[in-house]
C-alpha atoms as a PDB file:
ATOM      1  CA  MET A   1       0.000   0.002   0.000  1.00  0.00           C
ATOM      2  CA  VAL A   2       1.254   3.472  -0.879  1.00  0.00           C
ATOM      3  CA  THR A   3       1.335   5.820   2.120  1.00  0.00           C
ATOM      4  CA  VAL A   4       0.015   9.262   1.192  1.00  0.00           C
ATOM      5  CA  THR A   5      -0.305  11.996   3.791  1.00  0.00           C
ATOM      6  CA  THR A   6      -0.010  15.119   1.638  1.00  0.00           C
ATOM      7  CA  ALA A   7      -0.108  15.985  -2.055  1.00  0.00           C
ATOM      8  CA  ARG A   8       3.712  16.060  -1.996  1.00  0.00           C
ATOM      9  CA  ASP A   9       3.721  12.277  -1.449  1.00  0.00           C
ATOM     10  CA  LEU A  10       1.919  11.520  -4.700  1.00  0.00           C
ATOM     11  CA  PRO A  11       3.605   9.598  -7.551  1.00  0.00           C
ATOM     12  CA  ALA A  12       5.620  11.743  -9.947  1.00  0.00           C
ATOM     13  CA  GLU A  13       6.281  11.527 -13.677  1.00  0.00           C
ATOM     14  CA  SER A  14       9.167  13.020 -15.665  1.00  0.00           C
ATOM     15  CA  LEU A  15       9.213  16.819 -15.981  1.00  0.00           C
ATOM     16  CA  SER A  16      11.697  19.305 -17.431  1.00  0.00           C
ATOM     17  CA  PRO A  17      13.960  21.082 -14.904  1.00  0.00           C
ATOM     18  CA  LEU A  18      11.901  24.275 -15.338  1.00  0.00           C
ATOM     19  CA  ALA A  19       8.563  22.508 -14.816  1.00  0.00           C
ATOM     20  CA  GLU A  20      10.027  20.792 -11.742  1.00  0.00           C
ATOM     21  CA  ARG A  21      10.973  24.185 -10.306  1.00  0.00           C
ATOM     22  CA  VAL A  22       7.443  25.482 -10.810  1.00  0.00           C
ATOM     23  CA  GLU A  23       6.065  22.305  -9.253  1.00  0.00           C
ATOM     24  CA  ARG A  24       8.181  23.035  -6.161  1.00  0.00           C
ATOM     25  CA  VAL A  25       6.464  26.416  -5.853  1.00  0.00           C
ATOM     26  CA  LEU A  26       3.053  24.781  -6.236  1.00  0.00           C
ATOM     27  CA  ALA A  27       3.952  22.313  -3.496  1.00  0.00           C
ATOM     28  CA  ALA A  28       5.023  25.172  -1.222  1.00  0.00           C
ATOM     29  CA  TYR A  29       1.561  26.670  -1.690  1.00  0.00           C
ATOM     30  CA  ASP A  30      -0.145  23.294  -1.203  1.00  0.00           C
ATOM     31  CA  TYR A  31      -0.990  23.289  -4.916  1.00  0.00           C
ATOM     32  CA  GLU A  32      -3.234  26.377  -4.652  1.00  0.00           C
ATOM     33  CA  VAL A  33      -2.493  27.336  -8.210  1.00  0.00           C
ATOM     34  CA  SER A  34      -3.577  30.997  -8.205  1.00  0.00           C
ATOM     35  CA  ALA A  35      -1.490  31.849  -5.146  1.00  0.00           C
ATOM     36  CA  ALA A  36       1.569  30.086  -6.546  1.00  0.00           C
ATOM     37  CA  ILE A  37       1.394  31.640 -10.010  1.00  0.00           C
ATOM     38  CA  ASP A  38       0.620  35.104  -8.616  1.00  0.00           C
ATOM     39  CA  ALA A  39       3.708  34.837  -6.400  1.00  0.00           C
ATOM     40  CA  ILE A  40       5.924  33.881  -9.347  1.00  0.00           C
ATOM     41  CA  ASP A  41       4.470  36.607 -11.557  1.00  0.00           C
ATOM     42  CA  ALA A  42       5.016  39.222  -8.845  1.00  0.00           C
ATOM     43  CA  ALA A  43       8.680  38.219  -8.554  1.00  0.00           C
ATOM     44  CA  VAL A  44       9.391  38.462 -12.303  1.00  0.00           C
ATOM     45  CA  PRO A  45      10.749  41.930 -13.161  1.00  0.00           C
ATOM     46  CA  GLY A  46       8.795  44.256 -15.416  1.00  0.00           C
ATOM     47  CA  ILE A  47       5.545  42.990 -16.882  1.00  0.00           C
ATOM     48  CA  GLY A  48       6.741  39.435 -17.430  1.00  0.00           C
ATOM     49  CA  GLY A  49       5.350  36.341 -15.784  1.00  0.00           C
ATOM     50  CA  LEU A  50       5.357  32.560 -15.743  1.00  0.00           C
ATOM     51  CA  PHE A  51       3.596  32.183 -19.083  1.00  0.00           C
ATOM     52  CA  GLU A  52       4.819  35.413 -20.695  1.00  0.00           C
ATOM     53  CA  PRO A  53       6.859  34.453 -23.796  1.00  0.00           C
ATOM     54  CA  GLY A  54       9.215  37.364 -23.218  1.00  0.00           C
ATOM     55  CA  THR A  55      10.283  36.222 -19.765  1.00  0.00           C
ATOM     56  CA  GLU A  56      13.899  35.101 -19.908  1.00  0.00           C
ATOM     57  CA  PRO A  57      14.767  31.738 -18.322  1.00  0.00           C
ATOM     58  CA  ALA A  58      17.224  33.439 -15.956  1.00  0.00           C
ATOM     59  CA  GLU A  59      14.485  35.846 -14.804  1.00  0.00           C
ATOM     60  CA  LEU A  60      12.100  32.983 -14.202  1.00  0.00           C
ATOM     61  CA  ARG A  61      14.693  30.955 -12.304  1.00  0.00           C
ATOM     62  CA  ALA A  62      15.462  33.948 -10.082  1.00  0.00           C
ATOM     63  CA  ALA A  63      11.757  34.599  -9.472  1.00  0.00           C
ATOM     64  CA  ILE A  64      11.128  30.970  -8.497  1.00  0.00           C
ATOM     65  CA  GLU A  65      14.073  30.901  -6.099  1.00  0.00           C
ATOM     66  CA  HIS A  66      12.848  34.174  -4.578  1.00  0.00           C
ATOM     67  CA  VAL A  67       9.376  32.712  -4.000  1.00  0.00           C
ATOM     68  CA  LEU A  68      10.762  29.495  -2.524  1.00  0.00           C
ATOM     69  CA  ALA A  69      12.976  31.462  -0.133  1.00  0.00           C
ATOM     70  CA  ALA A  70      10.025  33.448   1.223  1.00  0.00           C
ATOM     71  CA  ASP A  71       8.808  32.634   4.729  1.00  0.00           C
ATOM     72  CA  ASP A  72       5.068  32.838   4.088  1.00  0.00           C
ATOM     73  CA  HIS A  73       3.326  30.383   1.783  1.00  0.00           C
ATOM     74  CA  GLU A  74       0.113  30.273   3.807  1.00  0.00           C
ATOM     75  CA  THR A  75      -2.963  29.095   1.913  1.00  0.00           C
ATOM     76  CA  ARG A  76      -5.179  27.527   4.574  1.00  0.00           C
ATOM     77  CA  VAL A  77      -8.893  28.317   4.322  1.00  0.00           C
ATOM     78  CA  ASP A  78     -10.788  29.551   7.360  1.00  0.00           C
ATOM     79  CA  ARG A  79     -13.700  27.193   6.854  1.00  0.00           C
ATOM     80  CA  ASP A  80     -14.878  24.123   8.790  1.00  0.00           C
ATOM     81  CA  LEU A  81     -16.599  21.266   6.940  1.00  0.00           C
ATOM     82  CA  ALA A  82     -17.198  19.106  10.017  1.00  0.00           C
ATOM     83  CA  GLY A  83     -20.523  17.312   9.641  1.00  0.00           C
ATOM     84  CA  GLU A  84     -20.869  18.393   6.001  1.00  0.00           C
ATOM     85  CA  THR A  85     -20.364  16.841   2.583  1.00  0.00           C
ATOM     86  CA  ALA A  86     -17.310  18.088   0.699  1.00  0.00           C
ATOM     87  CA  ILE A  87     -17.727  18.178  -3.080  1.00  0.00           C
ATOM     88  CA  LEU A  88     -14.560  17.284  -4.997  1.00  0.00           C
ATOM     89  CA  TYR A  89     -14.342  17.974  -8.730  1.00  0.00           C
ATOM     90  CA  VAL A  90     -11.335  16.429 -10.494  1.00  0.00           C
ATOM     91  CA  ASP A  91     -10.034  16.341 -14.052  1.00  0.00           C
ATOM     92  CA  GLY A  92      -6.892  15.420 -15.962  1.00  0.00           C
ATOM     93  CA  SER A  93      -5.568  16.824 -19.224  1.00  0.00           C
ATOM     94  CA  SER A  94      -2.970  15.422 -21.620  1.00  0.00           C
ATOM     95  CA  ARG A  95      -1.991  17.127 -24.871  1.00  0.00           C
ATOM     96  CA  GLY A  96      -1.221  14.484 -27.471  1.00  0.00           C
ATOM     97  CA  ASN A  97      -2.035  11.626 -25.087  1.00  0.00           C
ATOM     98  CA  PRO A  98       0.767  11.076 -24.281  1.00  0.00           C
ATOM     99  CA  GLY A  99       2.087  14.601 -23.966  1.00  0.00           C
ATOM    100  CA  PRO A 100       2.328  17.411 -21.405  1.00  0.00           C
ATOM    101  CA  ALA A 101      -0.240  16.491 -18.761  1.00  0.00           C
ATOM    102  CA  GLY A 102      -1.780  18.242 -15.797  1.00  0.00           C
ATOM    103  CA  ALA A 103      -4.141  17.494 -12.931  1.00  0.00           C
ATOM    104  CA  GLY A 104      -6.804  19.804 -11.519  1.00  0.00           C
ATOM    105  CA  ALA A 105      -9.116  19.616  -8.514  1.00  0.00           C
ATOM    106  CA  VAL A 106     -11.672  21.899  -6.882  1.00  0.00           C
ATOM    107  CA  VAL A 107     -13.091  21.448  -3.385  1.00  0.00           C
ATOM    108  CA  GLN A 108     -16.514  22.966  -2.736  1.00  0.00           C
ATOM    109  CA  ASP A 109     -18.848  23.041   0.229  1.00  0.00           C
ATOM    110  CA  GLU A 110     -22.455  21.889   0.037  1.00  0.00           C
ATOM    111  CA  ALA A 111     -23.557  25.334  -1.120  1.00  0.00           C
ATOM    112  CA  GLY A 112     -21.173  25.231  -4.089  1.00  0.00           C
ATOM    113  CA  GLU A 113     -18.605  27.689  -2.740  1.00  0.00           C
ATOM    114  CA  SER A 114     -15.117  26.843  -4.005  1.00  0.00           C
ATOM    115  CA  LEU A 115     -12.683  26.489  -1.091  1.00  0.00           C
ATOM    116  CA  LEU A 116      -9.629  25.018  -2.818  1.00  0.00           C
ATOM    117  CA  ARG A 117      -8.502  25.343  -6.453  1.00  0.00           C
ATOM    118  CA  LEU A 118      -5.608  22.991  -7.081  1.00  0.00           C
ATOM    119  CA  ALA A 119      -3.365  22.180 -10.026  1.00  0.00           C
ATOM    120  CA  ARG A 120      -0.107  20.411 -10.688  1.00  0.00           C
ATOM    121  CA  PRO A 121       1.896  19.244 -13.715  1.00  0.00           C
ATOM    122  CA  VAL A 122       1.874  15.457 -13.976  1.00  0.00           C
ATOM    123  CA  GLY A 123       4.423  14.690 -16.663  1.00  0.00           C
ATOM    124  CA  SER A 124       5.964  15.959 -19.886  1.00  0.00           C
ATOM    125  CA  ARG A 125       4.961  12.847 -21.842  1.00  0.00           C
ATOM    126  CA  THR A 126       2.050  11.341 -19.930  1.00  0.00           C
ATOM    127  CA  ASP A 127      -1.278   9.810 -20.928  1.00  0.00           C
ATOM    128  CA  ASN A 128      -4.708  11.106 -19.966  1.00  0.00           C
ATOM    129  CA  ASN A 129      -5.612   8.227 -17.620  1.00  0.00           C
ATOM    130  CA  THR A 130      -2.515   8.889 -15.512  1.00  0.00           C
ATOM    131  CA  ALA A 131      -3.515  12.553 -15.325  1.00  0.00           C
ATOM    132  CA  GLU A 132      -7.026  11.555 -14.187  1.00  0.00           C
ATOM    133  CA  TYR A 133      -5.679   9.345 -11.393  1.00  0.00           C
ATOM    134  CA  ALA A 134      -3.258  12.099 -10.395  1.00  0.00           C
ATOM    135  CA  ALA A 135      -6.093  14.643 -10.227  1.00  0.00           C
ATOM    136  CA  LEU A 136      -8.150  12.418  -7.935  1.00  0.00           C
ATOM    137  CA  ALA A 137      -5.179  11.717  -5.681  1.00  0.00           C
ATOM    138  CA  LEU A 138      -4.257  15.424  -5.564  1.00  0.00           C
ATOM    139  CA  GLY A 139      -7.776  16.508  -4.615  1.00  0.00           C
ATOM    140  CA  LEU A 140      -8.265  13.823  -1.971  1.00  0.00           C
ATOM    141  CA  ALA A 141      -4.867  14.417  -0.367  1.00  0.00           C
ATOM    142  CA  ARG A 142      -5.347  18.181  -0.085  1.00  0.00           C
ATOM    143  CA  LEU A 143      -8.993  17.896   1.002  1.00  0.00           C
ATOM    144  CA  LEU A 144      -8.202  15.446   3.801  1.00  0.00           C
ATOM    145  CA  ALA A 145      -5.206  17.481   4.935  1.00  0.00           C
ATOM    146  CA  GLN A 146      -7.329  20.640   5.223  1.00  0.00           C
ATOM    147  CA  PHE A 147     -10.796  19.460   6.262  1.00  0.00           C
ATOM    148  CA  GLU A 148     -12.605  16.755   8.200  1.00  0.00           C
ATOM    149  CA  PRO A 149     -15.923  16.415   6.352  1.00  0.00           C
ATOM    150  CA  ALA A 150     -18.517  13.792   7.235  1.00  0.00           C
ATOM    151  CA  ARG A 151     -18.618  12.707   3.593  1.00  0.00           C
ATOM    152  CA  ILE A 152     -16.855  13.279   0.296  1.00  0.00           C
ATOM    153  CA  GLU A 153     -18.648  13.301  -3.045  1.00  0.00           C
ATOM    154  CA  VAL A 154     -16.259  12.971  -5.970  1.00  0.00           C
ATOM    155  CA  ARG A 155     -17.407  14.363  -9.309  1.00  0.00           C
ATOM    156  CA  ILE A 156     -15.356  12.926 -12.140  1.00  0.00           C
ATOM    157  CA  ASP A 157     -15.713  12.276 -15.877  1.00  0.00           C
ATOM    158  CA  SER A 158     -13.269   9.357 -16.184  1.00  0.00           C
ATOM    159  CA  ARG A 159     -15.141   6.058 -16.403  1.00  0.00           C
ATOM    160  CA  THR A 160     -11.778   4.292 -16.393  1.00  0.00           C
ATOM    161  CA  VAL A 161     -10.929   5.616 -12.941  1.00  0.00           C
ATOM    162  CA  ILE A 162     -14.477   5.069 -11.646  1.00  0.00           C
ATOM    163  CA  ARG A 163     -14.403   1.414 -12.682  1.00  0.00           C
ATOM    164  CA  SER A 164     -10.972   0.848 -11.197  1.00  0.00           C
ATOM    165  CA  VAL A 165     -11.543   2.624  -7.879  1.00  0.00           C
ATOM    166  CA  TRP A 166     -15.240   2.184  -7.079  1.00  0.00           C
ATOM    167  CA  GLU A 167     -16.949  -0.351  -9.340  1.00  0.00           C
ATOM    168  CA  GLU A 168     -15.223  -3.484 -10.603  1.00  0.00           C
ATOM    169  CA  ARG A 169     -11.975  -2.675  -8.758  1.00  0.00           C
ATOM    170  CA  ALA A 170     -10.143  -4.368 -11.604  1.00  0.00           C
ATOM    171  CA  ASP A 171      -6.367  -4.239 -11.864  1.00  0.00           C
ATOM    172  CA  PRO A 172      -5.713  -1.011 -13.803  1.00  0.00           C
ATOM    173  CA  GLY A 173      -2.392  -2.293 -15.148  1.00  0.00           C
ATOM    174  CA  ALA A 174       1.177  -1.763 -13.969  1.00  0.00           C
ATOM    175  CA  GLN A 175       1.294   1.794 -15.306  1.00  0.00           C
ATOM    176  CA  PHE A 176      -1.468   2.942 -12.968  1.00  0.00           C
ATOM    177  CA  ARG A 177      -1.121   0.690  -9.910  1.00  0.00           C
ATOM    178  CA  GLU A 178       0.832   3.189  -7.826  1.00  0.00           C
ATOM    179  CA  TYR A 179      -1.685   5.930  -8.517  1.00  0.00           C
ATOM    180  CA  ARG A 180      -4.631   3.676  -7.773  1.00  0.00           C
ATOM    181  CA  ALA A 181      -2.967   2.537  -4.538  1.00  0.00           C
ATOM    182  CA  ALA A 182      -2.517   6.163  -3.505  1.00  0.00           C
ATOM    183  CA  VAL A 183      -6.193   6.891  -4.196  1.00  0.00           C
ATOM    184  CA  VAL A 184      -7.368   3.813  -2.274  1.00  0.00           C
ATOM    185  CA  ALA A 185      -5.145   4.724   0.684  1.00  0.00           C
ATOM    186  CA  LEU A 186      -6.639   8.211   0.763  1.00  0.00           C
ATOM    187  CA  LEU A 187     -10.224   6.965   0.507  1.00  0.00           C
ATOM    188  CA  GLU A 188      -9.577   4.666   3.471  1.00  0.00           C
ATOM    189  CA  ARG A 189      -8.991   7.826   5.528  1.00  0.00           C
ATOM    190  CA  ALA A 190     -12.323   9.338   4.474  1.00  0.00           C
ATOM    191  CA  PRO A 191     -15.294   8.663   6.793  1.00  0.00           C
ATOM    192  CA  ASP A 192     -17.618   8.109   3.817  1.00  0.00           C
ATOM    193  CA  ASP A 193     -17.318   8.643   0.082  1.00  0.00           C
ATOM    194  CA  ASP A 194     -19.342   8.399  -3.097  1.00  0.00           C
ATOM    195  CA  TRP A 195     -18.919   9.443  -6.708  1.00  0.00           C
ATOM    196  CA  ARG A 196     -20.894  11.005  -9.505  1.00  0.00           C
ATOM    197  CA  HIS A 197     -20.012  10.602 -13.145  1.00  0.00           C
ATOM    198  CA  LEU A 198     -19.870  13.851 -15.084  1.00  0.00           C
ATOM    199  CA  ALA A 199     -21.113  13.797 -18.658  1.00  0.00           C
ATOM    200  CA  ASP A 200     -19.280  15.845 -21.273  1.00  0.00           C
ATOM    201  CA  SER A 201     -22.023  18.477 -21.052  1.00  0.00           C
ATOM    202  CA  ASP A 202     -21.709  18.845 -17.272  1.00  0.00           C
ATOM    203  CA  PRO A 203     -19.649  21.783 -16.001  1.00  0.00           C
ATOM    204  CA  ASN A 204     -16.409  20.796 -14.324  1.00  0.00           C
ATOM    205  CA  PRO A 205     -14.475  23.628 -12.658  1.00  0.00           C
ATOM    206  CA  ALA A 206     -11.399  21.396 -12.429  1.00  0.00           C
ATOM    207  CA  ASP A 207     -11.041  21.294 -16.221  1.00  0.00           C
ATOM    208  CA  ALA A 208      -9.363  24.697 -16.528  1.00  0.00           C
ATOM    209  CA  LEU A 209      -6.994  23.861 -13.680  1.00  0.00           C
ATOM    210  CA  ALA A 210      -5.918  20.633 -15.357  1.00  0.00           C
ATOM    211  CA  THR A 211      -5.141  22.719 -18.442  1.00  0.00           C
ATOM    212  CA  VAL A 212      -2.942  25.029 -16.350  1.00  0.00           C
ATOM    213  CA  GLY A 213      -1.151  21.962 -15.011  1.00  0.00           C
ATOM    214  CA  ALA A 214      -0.544  20.804 -18.596  1.00  0.00           C
ATOM    215  CA  ASP A 215       0.736  24.293 -19.481  1.00  0.00           C
ATOM    216  CA  ILE A 216       3.300  23.990 -16.671  1.00  0.00           C
ATOM    217  CA  ALA A 217       4.259  20.461 -17.763  1.00  0.00           C
ATOM    218  CA  ALA A 218       4.982  21.871 -21.231  1.00  0.00           C
ATOM    219  CA  LEU A 219       7.509  24.389 -19.867  1.00  0.00           C
ATOM    220  CA  GLY A 220      11.150  23.754 -20.520  1.00  0.00           C
ATOM    221  CA  PRO A 221      13.527  22.321 -21.238  1.00  0.00           C
ATOM    222  CA  GLY A 222      15.714  24.823 -19.387  1.00  0.00           C
ATOM    223  CA  GLY A 223      15.491  26.041 -15.827  1.00  0.00           C
END
């Protein structure tokens, strides 16, 4: 069994040195993507930023090191979900399948207020199913580290992951076993959980975050 206590313990795929540096900033901010990217952008001189084509690699490296050296990476939410159901939206994105891949997750309360907006790069040449598993593991790890809800409802569009984790529990194959083990270990810490399959027409707020994760995975090769 894979032991997962935080999102930093999740399986990792290959990333460029630059994408790895950005991932370190995301980890420092507990994968709260807006806070992490805003911090990097603020440290880049002039009007440049993480995704600004004109930002020189040396400027970006210096900005990332500046952010990592800062004392305050606080992102905790002043909200208690005790006795409530936490809604977890997850999604994975892979360009080229395989290609640059990212994972996104959004935690909401019962009223639909978004409490956490998470993203991470998964790998530079990674398939979509891996990204979907990574998104579920990311969301569960961060949710359980932050909150103690009475129940978790996962909203996900990947039938492959649903079948592997909740339905048939079939062996997903060697490529995905570590990710599935991480997800199962996290669900064992949840007091109660259920899932809802999202159709293509259903809104998924994690979709845009998975795209940001894929954007980060595509960064490089320098850094």
